[in-house]
Amino acid sequence: MSGAAPIAMSAFDTLLQNQKPRVQAVLNILLESPYFYKTDHEEHFLFLRRYQREFAGFFEETFGWQLVSDAKCARLYKPEWFNDRITPSNRDLFTFTRRDECLAFMLLLEFFESRLEEESASVEEPDNIRFRFGDLLLYTRNRFTELFPEQASGYSDEDVRKILRPVMPQLEKYRFLVRLDPPDDERIEPDDTIYECLPALWHYSVQRISRPLGESPAQPL
């Protein structure tokens, strides 16, 4: 009686067998933060990009997750939450609940996209977009007054500053932005604070997240 036929190894199994330490490192990095940037660990990032098909197949077959990446950033997209006992309010997710804070994030994306157009920037370029906080403040204030002309008096510079105050730390925490420290011997005004737009912003689109509530959400890119 012949023995059972050997189980065929997947491409990911072969990769794991041949380069286990590097595969384990990439898997851990992808799960330790919402975004894996090339600047986090260039060698591991390039390894992931080289074997993206194998990694993507593993996550799709095992978990039903999607692996999305570009030249600077990789992320996992989990389309379904399985443990209903953990309610949305108890999940550590990037989200805003107040209307003006949600709009402030969308206006940041608008601002980012406008800067991309002005500078003809692409994700392939080595340097990320940088901006003054004062420029974002001005853009956000102007857009709020355009959106709510009957409430324009409620969106002064100081009012918009208060809206952005809790938003900016969240954007830093979830690695959308990084605040750049000035030189040690230089004192600057808050409006002159420089922020760098991190590659995760390329994975969001104002058009995609501003759909009417009745429409089905698009897949993130």
N, C-alpha and C. Protein backbone atom coordinates (compact mmCIF):
# COMPACT_ATOMS: atom_id res chain seq x y z
N MET A 1 0.86 -1.20 0.00
CA MET A 1 0.00 0.00 0.00
C MET A 1 0.89 1.24 0.00
N SER A 2 0.65 2.05 -0.96
CA SER A 2 1.51 3.24 -1.08
C SER A 2 1.17 4.26 -0.01
N GLY A 3 2.19 5.04 0.38
CA GLY A 3 1.96 6.06 1.39
C GLY A 3 1.18 7.24 0.83
N ALA A 4 0.70 8.08 1.76
CA ALA A 4 -0.06 9.25 1.34
C ALA A 4 0.84 10.21 0.57
N ALA A 5 0.26 10.87 -0.40
CA ALA A 5 1.02 11.83 -1.20
C ALA A 5 1.45 12.99 -0.31
N PRO A 6 2.67 13.49 -0.48
CA PRO A 6 3.13 14.61 0.33
C PRO A 6 2.30 15.86 0.07
N ILE A 7 2.08 16.65 1.11
CA ILE A 7 1.32 17.89 0.98
C ILE A 7 2.20 18.94 0.30
N ALA A 8 1.67 19.52 -0.76
CA ALA A 8 2.44 20.52 -1.50
C ALA A 8 2.65 21.76 -0.64
N MET A 9 3.85 22.27 -0.65
CA MET A 9 4.16 23.49 0.10
C MET A 9 3.77 24.71 -0.71
N SER A 10 3.20 25.67 -0.04
CA SER A 10 2.88 26.93 -0.71
C SER A 10 4.15 27.73 -0.92
N ALA A 11 4.05 28.77 -1.75
CA ALA A 11 5.21 29.64 -1.98
C ALA A 11 5.64 30.31 -0.68
N PHE A 12 4.65 30.64 0.17
CA PHE A 12 5.00 31.25 1.45
C PHE A 12 5.70 30.25 2.36
N ASP A 13 5.24 29.00 2.38
CA ASP A 13 5.88 27.97 3.20
C ASP A 13 7.34 27.81 2.81
N THR A 14 7.59 27.82 1.51
CA THR A 14 8.96 27.68 1.02
C THR A 14 9.81 28.87 1.46
N LEU A 15 9.22 30.06 1.35
CA LEU A 15 9.94 31.26 1.77
C LEU A 15 10.24 31.20 3.26
N LEU A 16 9.27 30.79 4.06
CA LEU A 16 9.45 30.68 5.51
C LEU A 16 10.53 29.65 5.84
N GLN A 17 10.53 28.57 5.13
CA GLN A 17 11.52 27.51 5.38
C GLN A 17 12.93 28.00 5.05
N ASN A 18 13.05 28.75 3.97
CA ASN A 18 14.38 29.17 3.51
C ASN A 18 14.90 30.42 4.21
N GLN A 19 13.98 31.31 4.64
CA GLN A 19 14.42 32.59 5.22
C GLN A 19 13.57 32.95 6.43
N LYS A 20 13.49 32.03 7.35
CA LYS A 20 12.60 32.17 8.50
C LYS A 20 12.83 33.45 9.31
N PRO A 21 14.06 33.82 9.69
CA PRO A 21 14.24 35.03 10.51
C PRO A 21 13.72 36.29 9.82
N ARG A 22 13.95 36.42 8.52
CA ARG A 22 13.51 37.61 7.81
C ARG A 22 11.99 37.63 7.66
N VAL A 23 11.42 36.47 7.38
CA VAL A 23 9.95 36.38 7.28
C VAL A 23 9.30 36.73 8.62
N GLN A 24 9.83 36.19 9.70
CA GLN A 24 9.27 36.48 11.02
C GLN A 24 9.39 37.95 11.36
N ALA A 25 10.51 38.55 11.00
CA ALA A 25 10.70 39.98 11.27
C ALA A 25 9.64 40.81 10.55
N VAL A 26 9.41 40.52 9.27
CA VAL A 26 8.42 41.28 8.49
C VAL A 26 7.02 41.09 9.06
N LEU A 27 6.66 39.85 9.41
CA LEU A 27 5.33 39.59 9.97
C LEU A 27 5.12 40.37 11.26
N ASN A 28 6.13 40.38 12.12
CA ASN A 28 6.01 41.11 13.38
C ASN A 28 5.89 42.61 13.16
N ILE A 29 6.68 43.16 12.26
CA ILE A 29 6.61 44.60 12.00
C ILE A 29 5.24 44.99 11.47
N LEU A 30 4.69 44.19 10.57
CA LEU A 30 3.37 44.49 10.01
C LEU A 30 2.28 44.51 11.07
N LEU A 31 2.45 43.71 12.13
CA LEU A 31 1.43 43.61 13.17
C LEU A 31 1.67 44.54 14.35
N GLU A 32 2.84 45.16 14.40
CA GLU A 32 3.17 46.02 15.54
C GLU A 32 2.69 47.45 15.36
N SER A 33 2.32 47.84 14.16
CA SER A 33 1.90 49.21 13.89
C SER A 33 0.97 49.19 12.69
N PRO A 34 0.05 50.16 12.60
CA PRO A 34 -0.84 50.19 11.43
C PRO A 34 -0.09 50.31 10.11
N TYR A 35 1.09 50.93 10.13
CA TYR A 35 1.84 51.16 8.90
C TYR A 35 3.29 50.74 9.08
N PHE A 36 3.83 50.12 8.05
CA PHE A 36 5.24 49.74 8.00
C PHE A 36 5.87 50.62 6.94
N TYR A 37 6.73 51.54 7.39
CA TYR A 37 7.39 52.45 6.47
C TYR A 37 8.75 51.93 6.06
N LYS A 38 9.15 52.29 4.87
CA LYS A 38 10.48 51.92 4.39
C LYS A 38 11.55 52.43 5.33
N THR A 39 11.32 53.60 5.90
CA THR A 39 12.30 54.19 6.81
C THR A 39 12.35 53.48 8.16
N ASP A 40 11.35 52.65 8.47
CA ASP A 40 11.38 51.88 9.73
C ASP A 40 12.52 50.87 9.70
N HIS A 41 12.62 50.16 8.60
CA HIS A 41 13.70 49.18 8.44
C HIS A 41 13.78 48.87 6.94
N GLU A 42 14.69 49.53 6.27
CA GLU A 42 14.72 49.45 4.80
C GLU A 42 14.94 48.03 4.30
N GLU A 43 15.83 47.28 4.94
CA GLU A 43 16.12 45.92 4.47
C GLU A 43 14.88 45.04 4.54
N HIS A 44 14.18 45.08 5.67
CA HIS A 44 12.97 44.25 5.81
C HIS A 44 11.87 44.73 4.87
N PHE A 45 11.77 46.03 4.69
CA PHE A 45 10.73 46.57 3.80
C PHE A 45 10.98 46.11 2.36
N LEU A 46 12.21 46.17 1.90
CA LEU A 46 12.52 45.74 0.54
C LEU A 46 12.33 44.23 0.38
N PHE A 47 12.58 43.48 1.45
CA PHE A 47 12.31 42.04 1.42
C PHE A 47 10.82 41.79 1.24
N LEU A 48 10.00 42.54 1.98
CA LEU A 48 8.55 42.42 1.84
C LEU A 48 8.12 42.77 0.41
N ARG A 49 8.66 43.83 -0.14
CA ARG A 49 8.28 44.24 -1.49
C ARG A 49 8.69 43.17 -2.52
N ARG A 50 9.86 42.59 -2.31
CA ARG A 50 10.34 41.57 -3.24
C ARG A 50 9.43 40.35 -3.23
N TYR A 51 8.96 39.98 -2.05
CA TYR A 51 8.12 38.78 -1.92
C TYR A 51 6.69 39.16 -1.56
N GLN A 52 6.20 40.25 -2.09
CA GLN A 52 4.87 40.73 -1.74
C GLN A 52 3.79 39.71 -2.09
N ARG A 53 3.94 39.04 -3.22
CA ARG A 53 2.92 38.07 -3.63
C ARG A 53 2.81 36.94 -2.60
N GLU A 54 3.96 36.47 -2.11
CA GLU A 54 3.94 35.39 -1.13
C GLU A 54 3.31 35.84 0.19
N PHE A 55 3.70 37.03 0.66
CA PHE A 55 3.12 37.55 1.91
C PHE A 55 1.63 37.83 1.74
N ALA A 56 1.25 38.44 0.62
CA ALA A 56 -0.16 38.75 0.39
C ALA A 56 -1.00 37.47 0.35
N GLY A 57 -0.47 36.43 -0.29
CA GLY A 57 -1.19 35.16 -0.35
C GLY A 57 -1.38 34.55 1.03
N PHE A 58 -0.33 34.65 1.87
CA PHE A 58 -0.43 34.11 3.22
C PHE A 58 -1.53 34.82 4.02
N PHE A 59 -1.55 36.15 3.99
CA PHE A 59 -2.55 36.88 4.77
C PHE A 59 -3.97 36.66 4.22
N GLU A 60 -4.10 36.59 2.90
CA GLU A 60 -5.42 36.38 2.31
C GLU A 60 -5.94 34.99 2.63
N GLU A 61 -5.10 33.97 2.48
CA GLU A 61 -5.54 32.60 2.70
C GLU A 61 -5.77 32.30 4.18
N THR A 62 -4.93 32.86 5.05
CA THR A 62 -5.00 32.52 6.48
C THR A 62 -6.00 33.36 7.24
N PHE A 63 -6.03 34.67 6.96
CA PHE A 63 -6.86 35.58 7.75
C PHE A 63 -7.95 36.29 6.94
N GLY A 64 -7.87 36.26 5.62
CA GLY A 64 -8.80 37.05 4.82
C GLY A 64 -8.45 38.52 4.82
N TRP A 65 -7.18 38.85 5.12
CA TRP A 65 -6.72 40.24 5.12
C TRP A 65 -6.08 40.57 3.79
N GLN A 66 -6.03 41.86 3.49
CA GLN A 66 -5.37 42.35 2.28
C GLN A 66 -4.07 43.06 2.66
N LEU A 67 -3.02 42.77 1.93
CA LEU A 67 -1.75 43.47 2.10
C LEU A 67 -1.65 44.51 1.00
N VAL A 68 -1.50 45.77 1.41
CA VAL A 68 -1.41 46.88 0.46
C VAL A 68 -0.07 47.56 0.67
N SER A 69 0.62 47.86 -0.41
CA SER A 69 1.90 48.53 -0.26
C SER A 69 2.22 49.39 -1.47
N ASP A 70 3.08 50.36 -1.25
CA ASP A 70 3.64 51.16 -2.34
C ASP A 70 5.13 51.32 -2.06
N ALA A 71 5.77 52.28 -2.69
CA ALA A 71 7.22 52.39 -2.60
C ALA A 71 7.71 52.79 -1.21
N LYS A 72 6.81 53.32 -0.36
CA LYS A 72 7.24 53.81 0.96
C LYS A 72 6.50 53.20 2.13
N CYS A 73 5.39 52.53 1.88
CA CYS A 73 4.52 52.13 2.99
C CYS A 73 3.80 50.83 2.69
N ALA A 74 3.66 50.00 3.72
CA ALA A 74 2.86 48.77 3.61
C ALA A 74 1.89 48.73 4.78
N ARG A 75 0.72 48.16 4.54
CA ARG A 75 -0.28 48.05 5.59
C ARG A 75 -1.14 46.81 5.36
N LEU A 76 -1.75 46.35 6.43
CA LEU A 76 -2.72 45.26 6.34
C LEU A 76 -4.12 45.82 6.49
N TYR A 77 -5.04 45.36 5.66
CA TYR A 77 -6.42 45.79 5.72
C TYR A 77 -7.28 44.62 6.18
N LYS A 78 -7.92 44.79 7.34
CA LYS A 78 -8.80 43.76 7.92
C LYS A 78 -10.24 44.18 7.66
N PRO A 79 -10.92 43.53 6.71
CA PRO A 79 -12.25 43.99 6.31
C PRO A 79 -13.37 43.66 7.28
N GLU A 80 -13.14 42.72 8.20
CA GLU A 80 -14.24 42.28 9.07
C GLU A 80 -13.74 42.11 10.50
N TRP A 81 -14.58 42.52 11.45
CA TRP A 81 -14.28 42.34 12.87
C TRP A 81 -15.07 41.14 13.37
N PHE A 82 -14.39 40.14 13.97
CA PHE A 82 -15.05 38.89 14.32
C PHE A 82 -15.55 38.83 15.76
N ASN A 83 -14.88 39.49 16.69
CA ASN A 83 -15.27 39.43 18.10
C ASN A 83 -16.24 40.57 18.41
N ASP A 84 -17.54 40.27 18.32
CA ASP A 84 -18.55 41.30 18.55
C ASP A 84 -18.60 41.78 19.99
N ARG A 85 -17.99 41.02 20.90
CA ARG A 85 -17.96 41.44 22.30
C ARG A 85 -17.09 42.67 22.51
N ILE A 86 -16.16 42.88 21.59
CA ILE A 86 -15.33 44.09 21.65
C ILE A 86 -16.02 45.13 20.79
N THR A 87 -16.72 46.05 21.42
CA THR A 87 -17.51 47.03 20.71
C THR A 87 -16.59 48.06 20.05
N PRO A 88 -17.11 48.77 19.03
CA PRO A 88 -16.28 49.77 18.35
C PRO A 88 -15.62 50.78 19.29
N SER A 89 -16.33 51.17 20.36
CA SER A 89 -15.78 52.16 21.28
C SER A 89 -14.59 51.62 22.07
N ASN A 90 -14.46 50.30 22.13
CA ASN A 90 -13.37 49.68 22.88
C ASN A 90 -12.23 49.19 22.00
N ARG A 91 -12.31 49.46 20.72
CA ARG A 91 -11.24 49.06 19.81
C ARG A 91 -10.25 50.22 19.65
N ASP A 92 -8.98 49.87 19.66
CA ASP A 92 -7.95 50.90 19.50
C ASP A 92 -7.78 51.20 18.02
N LEU A 93 -8.70 52.01 17.50
CA LEU A 93 -8.70 52.34 16.09
C LEU A 93 -8.53 53.83 15.89
N PHE A 94 -7.96 54.20 14.76
CA PHE A 94 -7.86 55.61 14.42
C PHE A 94 -9.23 56.11 14.01
N THR A 95 -9.78 57.02 14.81
CA THR A 95 -11.10 57.54 14.49
C THR A 95 -11.34 58.84 15.24
N PHE A 96 -12.22 59.65 14.70
CA PHE A 96 -12.69 60.85 15.38
C PHE A 96 -14.21 60.75 15.47
N THR A 97 -14.78 61.29 16.55
CA THR A 97 -16.22 61.20 16.75
C THR A 97 -16.93 62.55 16.61
N ARG A 98 -16.23 63.64 16.89
CA ARG A 98 -16.85 64.96 16.77
C ARG A 98 -16.85 65.40 15.31
N ARG A 99 -17.92 66.06 14.90
CA ARG A 99 -18.05 66.46 13.50
C ARG A 99 -16.88 67.30 13.02
N ASP A 100 -16.55 68.35 13.76
CA ASP A 100 -15.50 69.26 13.30
C ASP A 100 -14.13 68.58 13.27
N GLU A 101 -13.90 67.62 14.17
CA GLU A 101 -12.63 66.90 14.15
C GLU A 101 -12.56 65.97 12.94
N CYS A 102 -13.69 65.32 12.61
CA CYS A 102 -13.73 64.48 11.41
C CYS A 102 -13.47 65.32 10.17
N LEU A 103 -14.10 66.48 10.12
CA LEU A 103 -13.89 67.36 8.98
C LEU A 103 -12.47 67.87 8.93
N ALA A 104 -11.89 68.14 10.09
CA ALA A 104 -10.51 68.62 10.12
C ALA A 104 -9.56 67.59 9.50
N PHE A 105 -9.80 66.31 9.76
CA PHE A 105 -8.97 65.28 9.16
C PHE A 105 -9.16 65.25 7.64
N MET A 106 -10.40 65.35 7.18
CA MET A 106 -10.66 65.36 5.75
C MET A 106 -10.03 66.59 5.09
N LEU A 107 -10.04 67.71 5.80
CA LEU A 107 -9.44 68.92 5.26
C LEU A 107 -7.92 68.81 5.24
N LEU A 108 -7.35 68.08 6.18
CA LEU A 108 -5.91 67.80 6.11
C LEU A 108 -5.60 67.02 4.84
N LEU A 109 -6.44 66.03 4.50
CA LEU A 109 -6.23 65.27 3.27
C LEU A 109 -6.35 66.17 2.05
N GLU A 110 -7.33 67.06 2.06
CA GLU A 110 -7.46 68.03 0.97
C GLU A 110 -6.21 68.88 0.86
N PHE A 111 -5.74 69.37 2.01
CA PHE A 111 -4.55 70.21 2.05
C PHE A 111 -3.35 69.43 1.51
N PHE A 112 -3.21 68.19 1.92
CA PHE A 112 -2.11 67.33 1.45
C PHE A 112 -2.18 67.15 -0.06
N GLU A 113 -3.38 66.87 -0.57
CA GLU A 113 -3.53 66.66 -2.01
C GLU A 113 -3.23 67.94 -2.78
N SER A 114 -3.61 69.09 -2.22
CA SER A 114 -3.32 70.36 -2.90
C SER A 114 -1.82 70.62 -2.94
N ARG A 115 -1.11 70.25 -1.87
CA ARG A 115 0.34 70.41 -1.85
C ARG A 115 1.01 69.46 -2.85
N LEU A 116 0.46 68.27 -2.99
CA LEU A 116 1.00 67.34 -3.97
C LEU A 116 0.90 67.92 -5.38
N GLU A 117 -0.25 68.53 -5.67
CA GLU A 117 -0.44 69.12 -6.99
C GLU A 117 0.49 70.30 -7.19
N GLU A 118 0.62 71.14 -6.17
CA GLU A 118 1.49 72.32 -6.29
C GLU A 118 2.94 71.92 -6.54
N GLU A 119 3.38 70.87 -5.88
CA GLU A 119 4.78 70.46 -5.97
C GLU A 119 5.01 69.33 -6.97
N SER A 120 3.91 68.92 -7.66
CA SER A 120 4.00 67.81 -8.62
C SER A 120 4.72 66.61 -8.00
N ALA A 121 4.35 66.29 -6.77
CA ALA A 121 5.02 65.24 -6.01
C ALA A 121 4.39 63.89 -6.29
N SER A 122 5.18 62.84 -6.14
CA SER A 122 4.70 61.47 -6.27
C SER A 122 5.26 60.64 -5.13
N VAL A 123 4.64 59.48 -4.90
CA VAL A 123 5.06 58.62 -3.81
C VAL A 123 6.46 58.05 -4.05
N GLU A 124 6.91 58.08 -5.28
CA GLU A 124 8.22 57.53 -5.61
C GLU A 124 9.37 58.44 -5.15
N GLU A 125 9.07 59.70 -4.88
CA GLU A 125 10.14 60.64 -4.52
C GLU A 125 10.64 60.36 -3.10
N PRO A 126 11.94 60.54 -2.87
CA PRO A 126 12.50 60.19 -1.56
C PRO A 126 12.05 61.10 -0.42
N ASP A 127 11.78 62.37 -0.72
CA ASP A 127 11.42 63.33 0.32
C ASP A 127 9.92 63.44 0.46
N ASN A 128 9.45 63.53 1.70
CA ASN A 128 8.03 63.70 1.97
C ASN A 128 7.66 65.18 2.00
N ILE A 129 6.38 65.46 1.76
CA ILE A 129 5.86 66.83 1.82
C ILE A 129 5.97 67.34 3.25
N ARG A 130 6.39 68.61 3.39
CA ARG A 130 6.43 69.28 4.69
C ARG A 130 5.61 70.56 4.62
N PHE A 131 5.08 70.99 5.77
CA PHE A 131 4.28 72.21 5.78
C PHE A 131 4.35 72.89 7.14
N ARG A 132 4.06 74.18 7.15
CA ARG A 132 3.93 74.95 8.39
C ARG A 132 2.54 74.72 8.97
N PHE A 133 2.47 74.63 10.28
CA PHE A 133 1.16 74.50 10.92
C PHE A 133 0.28 75.69 10.56
N GLY A 134 0.86 76.88 10.49
CA GLY A 134 0.09 78.08 10.16
C GLY A 134 -0.58 77.99 8.79
N ASP A 135 0.06 77.33 7.84
CA ASP A 135 -0.53 77.17 6.51
C ASP A 135 -1.73 76.22 6.57
N LEU A 136 -1.59 75.15 7.34
CA LEU A 136 -2.72 74.23 7.52
C LEU A 136 -3.87 74.94 8.24
N LEU A 137 -3.55 75.72 9.25
CA LEU A 137 -4.56 76.46 10.01
C LEU A 137 -5.34 77.39 9.09
N LEU A 138 -4.64 78.13 8.24
CA LEU A 138 -5.29 79.06 7.33
C LEU A 138 -6.18 78.31 6.34
N TYR A 139 -5.67 77.23 5.78
CA TYR A 139 -6.45 76.44 4.82
C TYR A 139 -7.71 75.89 5.49
N THR A 140 -7.56 75.35 6.68
CA THR A 140 -8.69 74.73 7.39
C THR A 140 -9.73 75.78 7.76
N ARG A 141 -9.28 76.92 8.25
CA ARG A 141 -10.23 77.99 8.61
C ARG A 141 -11.02 78.44 7.38
N ASN A 142 -10.33 78.65 6.26
CA ASN A 142 -11.02 79.10 5.05
C ASN A 142 -12.03 78.07 4.56
N ARG A 143 -11.67 76.79 4.65
CA ARG A 143 -12.60 75.76 4.18
C ARG A 143 -13.79 75.61 5.11
N PHE A 144 -13.59 75.77 6.42
CA PHE A 144 -14.72 75.71 7.34
C PHE A 144 -15.71 76.85 7.05
N THR A 145 -15.19 78.02 6.79
CA THR A 145 -16.10 79.15 6.51
C THR A 145 -16.80 78.98 5.17
N GLU A 146 -16.16 78.29 4.21
CA GLU A 146 -16.83 77.98 2.95
C GLU A 146 -17.92 76.93 3.15
N LEU A 147 -17.64 75.95 3.99
CA LEU A 147 -18.61 74.88 4.22
C LEU A 147 -19.80 75.33 5.05
N PHE A 148 -19.54 76.24 6.00
CA PHE A 148 -20.60 76.70 6.91
C PHE A 148 -20.63 78.22 6.94
N PRO A 149 -21.01 78.86 5.83
CA PRO A 149 -20.98 80.33 5.78
C PRO A 149 -21.87 80.99 6.83
N GLU A 150 -22.97 80.31 7.18
CA GLU A 150 -23.87 80.90 8.18
C GLU A 150 -23.26 80.83 9.59
N GLN A 151 -22.21 80.03 9.76
CA GLN A 151 -21.54 79.91 11.05
C GLN A 151 -20.10 80.42 11.00
N ALA A 152 -19.81 81.26 10.02
CA ALA A 152 -18.43 81.69 9.80
C ALA A 152 -17.82 82.37 11.03
N SER A 153 -18.64 83.06 11.80
CA SER A 153 -18.11 83.75 12.98
C SER A 153 -17.62 82.77 14.04
N GLY A 154 -18.04 81.52 13.93
CA GLY A 154 -17.61 80.51 14.89
C GLY A 154 -16.34 79.78 14.47
N TYR A 155 -15.73 80.22 13.38
CA TYR A 155 -14.52 79.58 12.89
C TYR A 155 -13.39 80.59 12.71
N SER A 156 -13.13 81.31 13.78
CA SER A 156 -11.97 82.21 13.79
C SER A 156 -10.70 81.38 13.87
N ASP A 157 -9.56 82.04 13.76
CA ASP A 157 -8.29 81.32 13.90
C ASP A 157 -8.23 80.56 15.22
N GLU A 158 -8.68 81.20 16.29
CA GLU A 158 -8.61 80.56 17.59
C GLU A 158 -9.58 79.39 17.69
N ASP A 159 -10.76 79.53 17.09
CA ASP A 159 -11.73 78.42 17.08
C ASP A 159 -11.16 77.20 16.35
N VAL A 160 -10.54 77.44 15.21
CA VAL A 160 -9.99 76.34 14.43
C VAL A 160 -8.78 75.75 15.14
N ARG A 161 -8.02 76.58 15.82
CA ARG A 161 -6.89 76.08 16.63
C ARG A 161 -7.39 75.06 17.66
N LYS A 162 -8.53 75.38 18.30
CA LYS A 162 -9.10 74.49 19.30
C LYS A 162 -9.56 73.17 18.67
N ILE A 163 -10.07 73.24 17.43
CA ILE A 163 -10.48 72.02 16.73
C ILE A 163 -9.27 71.14 16.44
N LEU A 164 -8.19 71.78 15.99
CA LEU A 164 -6.99 71.04 15.59
C LEU A 164 -6.17 70.54 16.78
N ARG A 165 -6.38 71.17 17.94
CA ARG A 165 -5.55 70.83 19.11
C ARG A 165 -5.59 69.34 19.45
N PRO A 166 -6.76 68.70 19.53
CA PRO A 166 -6.76 67.24 19.81
C PRO A 166 -6.49 66.39 18.57
N VAL A 167 -6.62 66.97 17.38
CA VAL A 167 -6.46 66.21 16.14
C VAL A 167 -4.98 65.94 15.85
N MET A 168 -4.14 66.96 16.01
CA MET A 168 -2.74 66.83 15.62
C MET A 168 -2.01 65.72 16.41
N PRO A 169 -2.19 65.62 17.72
CA PRO A 169 -1.53 64.51 18.44
C PRO A 169 -1.98 63.13 17.96
N GLN A 170 -3.25 63.00 17.59
CA GLN A 170 -3.73 61.72 17.07
C GLN A 170 -3.07 61.38 15.73
N LEU A 171 -2.89 62.40 14.91
CA LEU A 171 -2.24 62.17 13.62
C LEU A 171 -0.77 61.80 13.80
N GLU A 172 -0.16 62.31 14.86
CA GLU A 172 1.21 61.90 15.17
C GLU A 172 1.24 60.49 15.76
N LYS A 173 0.31 60.20 16.66
CA LYS A 173 0.27 58.88 17.29
C LYS A 173 0.12 57.76 16.27
N TYR A 174 -0.78 57.97 15.30
CA TYR A 174 -1.04 56.93 14.31
C TYR A 174 -0.16 57.08 13.06
N ARG A 175 0.84 57.94 13.15
CA ARG A 175 1.92 58.03 12.17
C ARG A 175 1.45 58.51 10.80
N PHE A 176 0.57 59.51 10.81
CA PHE A 176 0.24 60.23 9.58
C PHE A 176 1.17 61.42 9.41
N LEU A 177 1.54 62.02 10.54
CA LEU A 177 2.40 63.18 10.54
C LEU A 177 3.51 62.99 11.57
N VAL A 178 4.61 63.72 11.37
CA VAL A 178 5.63 63.80 12.41
C VAL A 178 6.01 65.27 12.54
N ARG A 179 6.08 65.73 13.78
CA ARG A 179 6.46 67.12 14.04
C ARG A 179 7.97 67.21 14.10
N LEU A 180 8.52 68.15 13.37
CA LEU A 180 9.97 68.30 13.31
C LEU A 180 10.43 69.34 14.33
N ASP A 181 11.38 68.98 15.13
CA ASP A 181 11.90 69.90 16.13
C ASP A 181 12.77 70.97 15.48
N PRO A 182 12.68 72.22 15.95
CA PRO A 182 13.55 73.27 15.41
C PRO A 182 14.97 73.09 15.94
N PRO A 183 15.92 73.76 15.34
CA PRO A 183 17.29 73.72 15.89
C PRO A 183 17.30 74.12 17.36
N ASP A 184 18.25 73.59 18.12
CA ASP A 184 18.28 73.82 19.57
C ASP A 184 18.33 75.28 19.95
N ASP A 185 18.96 76.10 19.13
CA ASP A 185 19.12 77.51 19.48
C ASP A 185 18.06 78.41 18.86
N GLU A 186 17.00 77.81 18.33
CA GLU A 186 15.98 78.60 17.64
C GLU A 186 14.63 78.47 18.34
N ARG A 187 14.02 79.62 18.64
CA ARG A 187 12.68 79.65 19.21
C ARG A 187 11.71 80.03 18.11
N ILE A 188 10.64 79.27 17.99
CA ILE A 188 9.68 79.54 16.93
C ILE A 188 8.28 79.68 17.51
N GLU A 189 7.44 80.37 16.76
CA GLU A 189 6.03 80.48 17.13
C GLU A 189 5.31 79.18 16.75
N PRO A 190 4.21 78.87 17.45
CA PRO A 190 3.47 77.63 17.13
C PRO A 190 3.10 77.51 15.66
N ASP A 191 2.73 78.64 15.03
CA ASP A 191 2.33 78.59 13.62
C ASP A 191 3.49 78.23 12.70
N ASP A 192 4.72 78.40 13.17
CA ASP A 192 5.89 78.08 12.35
C ASP A 192 6.38 76.65 12.56
N THR A 193 5.67 75.87 13.37
CA THR A 193 6.03 74.47 13.56
C THR A 193 5.93 73.73 12.24
N ILE A 194 6.95 72.94 11.94
CA ILE A 194 6.99 72.19 10.69
C ILE A 194 6.56 70.75 10.93
N TYR A 195 5.65 70.28 10.08
CA TYR A 195 5.22 68.88 10.10
C TYR A 195 5.61 68.22 8.78
N GLU A 196 5.92 66.94 8.89
CA GLU A 196 6.19 66.14 7.69
C GLU A 196 5.06 65.15 7.49
N CYS A 197 4.56 65.08 6.26
CA CYS A 197 3.49 64.15 5.92
C CYS A 197 4.09 62.76 5.68
N LEU A 198 3.68 61.79 6.48
CA LEU A 198 4.22 60.45 6.34
C LEU A 198 3.46 59.66 5.27
N PRO A 199 4.06 58.60 4.73
CA PRO A 199 3.49 57.92 3.56
C PRO A 199 2.09 57.36 3.73
N ALA A 200 1.61 57.16 4.96
CA ALA A 200 0.25 56.63 5.14
C ALA A 200 -0.80 57.53 4.51
N LEU A 201 -0.53 58.83 4.40
CA LEU A 201 -1.51 59.74 3.83
C LEU A 201 -1.81 59.41 2.37
N TRP A 202 -0.86 58.77 1.68
CA TRP A 202 -1.10 58.38 0.30
C TRP A 202 -2.18 57.29 0.22
N HIS A 203 -2.45 56.62 1.31
CA HIS A 203 -3.41 55.52 1.31
C HIS A 203 -4.84 55.99 1.59
N TYR A 204 -5.01 57.30 1.72
CA TYR A 204 -6.33 57.86 1.97
C TYR A 204 -6.70 58.82 0.85
N SER A 205 -8.00 58.94 0.62
CA SER A 205 -8.51 59.83 -0.41
C SER A 205 -9.74 60.55 0.12
N VAL A 206 -9.80 61.86 -0.08
CA VAL A 206 -10.96 62.64 0.36
C VAL A 206 -12.23 62.11 -0.31
N GLN A 207 -12.14 61.82 -1.62
CA GLN A 207 -13.32 61.35 -2.35
C GLN A 207 -13.81 60.03 -1.80
N ARG A 208 -12.89 59.16 -1.40
CA ARG A 208 -13.26 57.82 -0.97
C ARG A 208 -13.93 57.83 0.41
N ILE A 209 -13.44 58.68 1.33
CA ILE A 209 -13.99 58.65 2.68
C ILE A 209 -15.12 59.64 2.89
N SER A 210 -15.47 60.42 1.84
CA SER A 210 -16.55 61.39 2.00
C SER A 210 -17.82 60.96 1.29
N ARG A 211 -17.97 59.64 1.04
CA ARG A 211 -19.18 59.13 0.41
C ARG A 211 -20.41 59.36 1.31
N PRO A 212 -21.58 59.55 0.71
CA PRO A 212 -22.81 59.60 1.52
C PRO A 212 -22.96 58.33 2.33
N LEU A 213 -23.64 58.43 3.44
CA LEU A 213 -23.73 57.30 4.38
C LEU A 213 -24.38 56.07 3.76
N GLY A 214 -25.24 56.24 2.78
CA GLY A 214 -25.93 55.10 2.20
C GLY A 214 -25.10 54.30 1.24
N GLU A 215 -23.94 54.83 0.81
CA GLU A 215 -23.13 54.13 -0.17
C GLU A 215 -22.20 53.14 0.49
N SER A 216 -21.84 52.10 -0.24
CA SER A 216 -20.89 51.13 0.27
C SER A 216 -19.50 51.72 0.28
N PRO A 217 -18.72 51.49 1.33
CA PRO A 217 -17.38 52.04 1.39
C PRO A 217 -16.48 51.37 0.36
N ALA A 218 -15.58 52.15 -0.21
CA ALA A 218 -14.62 51.61 -1.15
C ALA A 218 -13.48 50.94 -0.40
N GLN A 219 -12.79 50.05 -1.08
CA GLN A 219 -11.64 49.38 -0.47
C GLN A 219 -10.50 50.39 -0.34
N PRO A 220 -9.78 50.38 0.77
CA PRO A 220 -8.65 51.28 0.93
C PRO A 220 -7.51 50.90 0.02
N LEU A 221 -6.73 51.90 -0.39
CA LEU A 221 -5.58 51.66 -1.25
C LEU A 221 -4.32 52.12 -0.56
